[in-house]
């Protein structure tokens, strides 16, 4: 493979990988991000209850 064909291959491969990665990220955000956010919100509210339990025992 000569230098010109290798350069042309790189100019095709990098944008294709970038587009596929962007599509994969968009799918992840639309399908799975909400599930992780719900767990985070639940964890934060549980931690707030835990902190408040120390304040209420005075």
PDB file of N, CA and C in Angstrom:
ATOM      1  N   UNK A   1       0.867  -1.178   0.000  1.00  0.00           N
ATOM      2  CA  UNK A   1       0.000   0.000   0.000  1.00  0.00           C
ATOM      3  C   UNK A   1       0.906   1.231   0.000  1.00  0.00           C
ATOM      4  N   UNK A   2       0.672   2.102  -0.939  1.00  0.00           N
ATOM      5  CA  UNK A   2       1.531   3.280  -1.004  1.00  0.00           C
ATOM      6  C   UNK A   2       0.997   4.372  -0.081  1.00  0.00           C
ATOM      7  N   UNK A   3       1.726   5.413   0.019  1.00  0.00           N
ATOM      8  CA  UNK A   3       1.416   6.495   0.950  1.00  0.00           C
ATOM      9  C   UNK A   3       0.098   7.191   0.608  1.00  0.00           C
ATOM     10  N   UNK A   4      -0.176   7.354  -0.673  1.00  0.00           N
ATOM     11  CA  UNK A   4      -1.397   8.044  -1.078  1.00  0.00           C
ATOM     12  C   UNK A   4      -2.644   7.246  -0.709  1.00  0.00           C
ATOM     13  N   UNK A   5      -2.613   5.945  -0.934  1.00  0.00           N
ATOM     14  CA  UNK A   5      -3.783   5.135  -0.597  1.00  0.00           C
ATOM     15  C   UNK A   5      -3.955   5.016   0.916  1.00  0.00           C
ATOM     16  N   UNK A   6      -2.871   4.991   1.665  1.00  0.00           N
ATOM     17  CA  UNK A   6      -2.963   4.949   3.128  1.00  0.00           C
ATOM     18  C   UNK A   6      -3.578   6.245   3.652  1.00  0.00           C
ATOM     19  N   UNK A   7      -3.180   7.358   3.092  1.00  0.00           N
ATOM     20  CA  UNK A   7      -3.737   8.649   3.503  1.00  0.00           C
ATOM     21  C   UNK A   7      -5.221   8.716   3.174  1.00  0.00           C
ATOM     22  N   UNK A   8      -5.589   8.239   1.998  1.00  0.00           N
ATOM     23  CA  UNK A   8      -6.999   8.237   1.617  1.00  0.00           C
ATOM     24  C   UNK A   8      -7.804   7.334   2.541  1.00  0.00           C
ATOM     25  N   UNK A   9      -7.255   6.203   2.914  1.00  0.00           N
ATOM     26  CA  UNK A   9      -7.934   5.288   3.821  1.00  0.00           C
ATOM     27  C   UNK A   9      -8.150   5.937   5.191  1.00  0.00           C
ATOM     28  N   UNK A  10      -7.159   6.626   5.681  1.00  0.00           N
ATOM     29  CA  UNK A  10      -7.291   7.313   6.971  1.00  0.00           C
ATOM     30  C   UNK A  10      -8.372   8.380   6.900  1.00  0.00           C
ATOM     31  N   UNK A  11      -8.423   9.120   5.803  1.00  0.00           N
ATOM     32  CA  UNK A  11      -9.428  10.174   5.659  1.00  0.00           C
ATOM     33  C   UNK A  11     -10.839   9.609   5.552  1.00  0.00           C
ATOM     34  N   UNK A  12     -10.979   8.340   5.214  1.00  0.00           N
ATOM     35  CA  UNK A  12     -12.305   7.702   5.208  1.00  0.00           C
ATOM     36  C   UNK A  12     -12.604   7.032   6.537  1.00  0.00           C
ATOM     37  N   UNK A  13     -11.626   6.407   7.154  1.00  0.00           N
ATOM     38  CA  UNK A  13     -11.860   5.630   8.370  1.00  0.00           C
ATOM     39  C   UNK A  13     -12.178   6.524   9.561  1.00  0.00           C
ATOM     40  N   UNK A  14     -11.440   7.580   9.747  1.00  0.00           N
ATOM     41  CA  UNK A  14     -11.645   8.441  10.923  1.00  0.00           C
ATOM     42  C   UNK A  14     -13.043   9.064  10.936  1.00  0.00           C
ATOM     43  N   UNK A  15     -13.538   9.654   9.858  1.00  0.00           N
ATOM     44  CA  UNK A  15     -14.911  10.185   9.908  1.00  0.00           C
ATOM     45  C   UNK A  15     -15.971   9.105  10.106  1.00  0.00           C
ATOM     46  N   UNK A  16     -15.773   7.942   9.511  1.00  0.00           N
ATOM     47  CA  UNK A  16     -16.750   6.862   9.686  1.00  0.00           C
ATOM     48  C   UNK A  16     -16.793   6.416  11.145  1.00  0.00           C
ATOM     49  N   UNK A  17     -15.638   6.265  11.768  1.00  0.00           N
ATOM     50  CA  UNK A  17     -15.592   5.891  13.186  1.00  0.00           C
ATOM     51  C   UNK A  17     -16.232   6.980  14.044  1.00  0.00           C
ATOM     52  N   UNK A  18     -15.988   8.228  13.716  1.00  0.00           N
ATOM     53  CA  UNK A  18     -16.577   9.327  14.482  1.00  0.00           C
ATOM     54  C   UNK A  18     -18.095   9.337  14.367  1.00  0.00           C
ATOM     55  N   UNK A  19     -18.612   9.115  13.174  1.00  0.00           N
ATOM     56  CA  UNK A  19     -20.071   9.100  12.977  1.00  0.00           C
ATOM     57  C   UNK A  19     -20.689   7.920  13.713  1.00  0.00           C
ATOM     58  N   UNK A  20     -20.075   6.749  13.620  1.00  0.00           N
ATOM     59  CA  UNK A  20     -20.607   5.583  14.333  1.00  0.00           C
ATOM     60  C   UNK A  20     -20.559   5.776  15.845  1.00  0.00           C
ATOM     61  N   UNK A  21     -19.516   6.410  16.342  1.00  0.00           N
ATOM     62  CA  UNK A  21     -19.426   6.700  17.777  1.00  0.00           C
ATOM     63  C   UNK A  21     -20.502   7.681  18.206  1.00  0.00           C
ATOM     64  N   UNK A  22     -20.748   8.689  17.397  1.00  0.00           N
ATOM     65  CA  UNK A  22     -21.791   9.663  17.725  1.00  0.00           C
ATOM     66  C   UNK A  22     -23.168   9.007  17.736  1.00  0.00           C
ATOM     67  N   UNK A  23     -23.417   8.127  16.784  1.00  0.00           N
ATOM     68  CA  UNK A  23     -24.693   7.416  16.755  1.00  0.00           C
ATOM     69  C   UNK A  23     -24.823   6.507  17.979  1.00  0.00           C
ATOM     70  N   UNK A  24     -23.769   5.819  18.322  1.00  0.00           N
ATOM     71  CA  UNK A  24     -23.781   4.968  19.512  1.00  0.00           C
ATOM     72  C   UNK A  24     -24.037   5.753  20.777  1.00  0.00           C
ATOM     73  N   UNK A  25     -23.426   6.916  20.906  1.00  0.00           N
ATOM     74  CA  UNK A  25     -23.648   7.763  22.076  1.00  0.00           C
ATOM     75  C   UNK A  25     -25.079   8.272  22.115  1.00  0.00           C
ATOM     76  N   UNK A  26     -25.620   8.650  20.976  1.00  0.00           N
ATOM     77  CA  UNK A  26     -27.006   9.128  20.930  1.00  0.00           C
ATOM     78  C   UNK A  26     -27.975   8.027  21.344  1.00  0.00           C
ATOM     79  N   UNK A  27     -27.719   6.813  20.896  1.00  0.00           N
ATOM     80  CA  UNK A  27     -28.569   5.687  21.299  1.00  0.00           C
ATOM     81  C   UNK A  27     -28.454   5.452  22.800  1.00  0.00           C
ATOM     82  N   UNK A  28     -27.248   5.518  23.334  1.00  0.00           N
ATOM     83  CA  UNK A  28     -27.054   5.318  24.771  1.00  0.00           C
ATOM     84  C   UNK A  28     -27.794   6.378  25.573  1.00  0.00           C
ATOM     85  N   UNK A  29     -27.703   7.627  25.135  1.00  0.00           N
ATOM     86  CA  UNK A  29     -28.374   8.711  25.861  1.00  0.00           C
ATOM     87  C   UNK A  29     -29.878   8.505  25.846  1.00  0.00           C
ATOM     88  N   UNK A  30     -30.435   8.144  24.711  1.00  0.00           N
ATOM     89  CA  UNK A  30     -31.892   8.028  24.630  1.00  0.00           C
ATOM     90  C   UNK A  30     -32.416   6.797  25.344  1.00  0.00           C
ATOM     91  N   UNK A  31     -31.663   5.702  25.375  1.00  0.00           N
ATOM     92  CA  UNK A  31     -32.187   4.463  25.955  1.00  0.00           C
ATOM     93  C   UNK A  31     -31.754   4.239  27.393  1.00  0.00           C
ATOM     94  N   UNK A  32     -30.517   4.532  27.739  1.00  0.00           N
ATOM     95  CA  UNK A  32     -29.970   4.060  29.002  1.00  0.00           C
ATOM     96  C   UNK A  32     -29.667   5.148  30.011  1.00  0.00           C
ATOM     97  N   UNK A  33     -29.518   6.384  29.587  1.00  0.00           N
ATOM     98  CA  UNK A  33     -29.109   7.433  30.521  1.00  0.00           C
ATOM     99  C   UNK A  33     -30.164   7.661  31.595  1.00  0.00           C
ATOM    100  N   UNK A  34     -31.433   7.569  31.254  1.00  0.00           N
ATOM    101  CA  UNK A  34     -32.492   7.790  32.229  1.00  0.00           C
ATOM    102  C   UNK A  34     -32.412   6.786  33.369  1.00  0.00           C
ATOM    103  N   UNK A  35     -32.050   5.555  33.059  1.00  0.00           N
ATOM    104  CA  UNK A  35     -31.932   4.524  34.094  1.00  0.00           C
ATOM    105  C   UNK A  35     -30.827   4.890  35.088  1.00  0.00           C
ATOM    106  N   UNK A  36     -29.699   5.377  34.599  1.00  0.00           N
ATOM    107  CA  UNK A  36     -28.607   5.751  35.485  1.00  0.00           C
ATOM    108  C   UNK A  36     -28.957   7.000  36.285  1.00  0.00           C
ATOM    109  N   UNK A  37     -29.658   7.950  35.675  1.00  0.00           N
ATOM    110  CA  UNK A  37     -30.051   9.156  36.393  1.00  0.00           C
ATOM    111  C   UNK A  37     -30.998   8.826  37.538  1.00  0.00           C
ATOM    112  N   UNK A  38     -31.920   7.908  37.330  1.00  0.00           N
ATOM    113  CA  UNK A  38     -32.846   7.527  38.390  1.00  0.00           C
ATOM    114  C   UNK A  38     -32.097   6.933  39.575  1.00  0.00           C
ATOM    115  N   UNK A  39     -31.127   6.108  39.322  1.00  0.00           N
ATOM    116  CA  UNK A  39     -30.350   5.527  40.420  1.00  0.00           C
ATOM    117  C   UNK A  39     -29.573   6.607  41.152  1.00  0.00           C
ATOM    118  N   UNK A  40     -29.051   7.590  40.416  1.00  0.00           N
ATOM    119  CA  UNK A  40     -28.302   8.670  41.057  1.00  0.00           C
ATOM    120  C   UNK A  40     -29.216   9.511  41.933  1.00  0.00           C
ATOM    121  N   UNK A  41     -30.396   9.845  41.429  1.00  0.00           N
ATOM    122  CA  UNK A  41     -31.334  10.627  42.224  1.00  0.00           C
ATOM    123  C   UNK A  41     -31.736   9.875  43.485  1.00  0.00           C
ATOM    124  N   UNK A  42     -31.957   8.596  43.350  1.00  0.00           N
ATOM    125  CA  UNK A  42     -32.331   7.795  44.512  1.00  0.00           C
ATOM    126  C   UNK A  42     -31.182   7.772  45.521  1.00  0.00           C
ATOM    127  N   UNK A  43     -29.965   7.648  45.041  1.00  0.00           N
ATOM    128  CA  UNK A  43     -28.813   7.625  45.940  1.00  0.00           C
ATOM    129  C   UNK A  43     -28.664   8.957  46.663  1.00  0.00           C
ATOM    130  N   UNK A  44     -28.878  10.055  45.948  1.00  0.00           N
ATOM    131  CA  UNK A  44     -28.743  11.378  46.563  1.00  0.00           C
ATOM    132  C   UNK A  44     -29.812  11.572  47.625  1.00  0.00           C
ATOM    133  N   UNK A  45     -31.042  11.162  47.355  1.00  0.00           N
ATOM    134  CA  UNK A  45     -32.101  11.325  48.355  1.00  0.00           C
ATOM    135  C   UNK A  45     -31.858  10.431  49.560  1.00  0.00           C
ATOM    136  N   UNK A  46     -31.338   9.229  49.344  1.00  0.00           N
ATOM    137  CA  UNK A  46     -31.009   8.351  50.476  1.00  0.00           C
ATOM    138  C   UNK A  46     -29.889   8.962  51.314  1.00  0.00           C
ATOM    139  N   UNK A  47     -28.898   9.561  50.676  1.00  0.00           N
ATOM    140  CA  UNK A  47     -27.809  10.182  51.421  1.00  0.00           C
ATOM    141  C   UNK A  47     -28.308  11.398  52.194  1.00  0.00           C
ATOM    142  N   UNK A  48     -29.232  12.154  51.615  1.00  0.00           N
ATOM    143  CA  UNK A  48     -29.801  13.301  52.322  1.00  0.00           C
ATOM    144  C   UNK A  48     -30.570  12.831  53.554  1.00  0.00           C
ATOM    145  N   UNK A  49     -31.320  11.745  53.447  1.00  0.00           N
ATOM    146  CA  UNK A  49     -32.011  11.190  54.615  1.00  0.00           C
ATOM    147  C   UNK A  49     -31.007  10.757  55.676  1.00  0.00           C
ATOM    148  N   UNK A  50     -29.920  10.139  55.250  1.00  0.00           N
ATOM    149  CA  UNK A  50     -28.871   9.705  56.165  1.00  0.00           C
ATOM    150  C   UNK A  50     -28.266  10.897  56.913  1.00  0.00           C
ATOM    151  N   UNK A  51     -27.988  11.970  56.176  1.00  0.00           N
ATOM    152  CA  UNK A  51     -27.438  13.163  56.833  1.00  0.00           C
ATOM    153  C   UNK A  51     -28.438  13.779  57.797  1.00  0.00           C
ATOM    154  N   UNK A  52     -29.697  13.842  57.396  1.00  0.00           N
ATOM    155  CA  UNK A  52     -30.713  14.435  58.252  1.00  0.00           C
ATOM    156  C   UNK A  52     -30.956  13.620  59.514  1.00  0.00           C
ATOM    157  N   UNK A  53     -30.700  12.325  59.465  1.00  0.00           N
ATOM    158  CA  UNK A  53     -30.896  11.503  60.658  1.00  0.00           C
ATOM    159  C   UNK A  53     -29.935  11.913  61.762  1.00  0.00           C
ATOM    160  N   UNK A  54     -28.764  12.414  61.439  1.00  0.00           N
ATOM    161  CA  UNK A  54     -27.833  12.895  62.456  1.00  0.00           C
ATOM    162  C   UNK A  54     -28.282  14.243  63.017  1.00  0.00           C
ATOM    163  N   UNK A  55     -28.855  15.095  62.175  1.00  0.00           N
ATOM    164  CA  UNK A  55     -29.291  16.401  62.628  1.00  0.00           C
ATOM    165  C   UNK A  55     -30.523  16.305  63.532  1.00  0.00           C
ATOM    166  N   UNK A  56     -31.373  15.315  63.338  1.00  0.00           N
ATOM    167  CA  UNK A  56     -32.612  15.192  64.098  1.00  0.00           C
ATOM    168  C   UNK A  56     -32.421  14.561  65.453  1.00  0.00           C
ATOM    169  N   UNK A  57     -31.274  13.949  65.733  1.00  0.00           N
ATOM    170  CA  UNK A  57     -31.050  13.237  66.997  1.00  0.00           C
ATOM    171  C   UNK A  57     -30.481  14.124  68.084  1.00  0.00           C
ATOM    172  N   UNK A  58     -30.401  15.422  67.893  1.00  0.00           N
ATOM    173  CA  UNK A  58     -29.822  16.331  68.904  1.00  0.00           C
ATOM    174  C   UNK A  58     -30.679  16.430  70.115  1.00  0.00           C
TER     175      UNK A  58
END
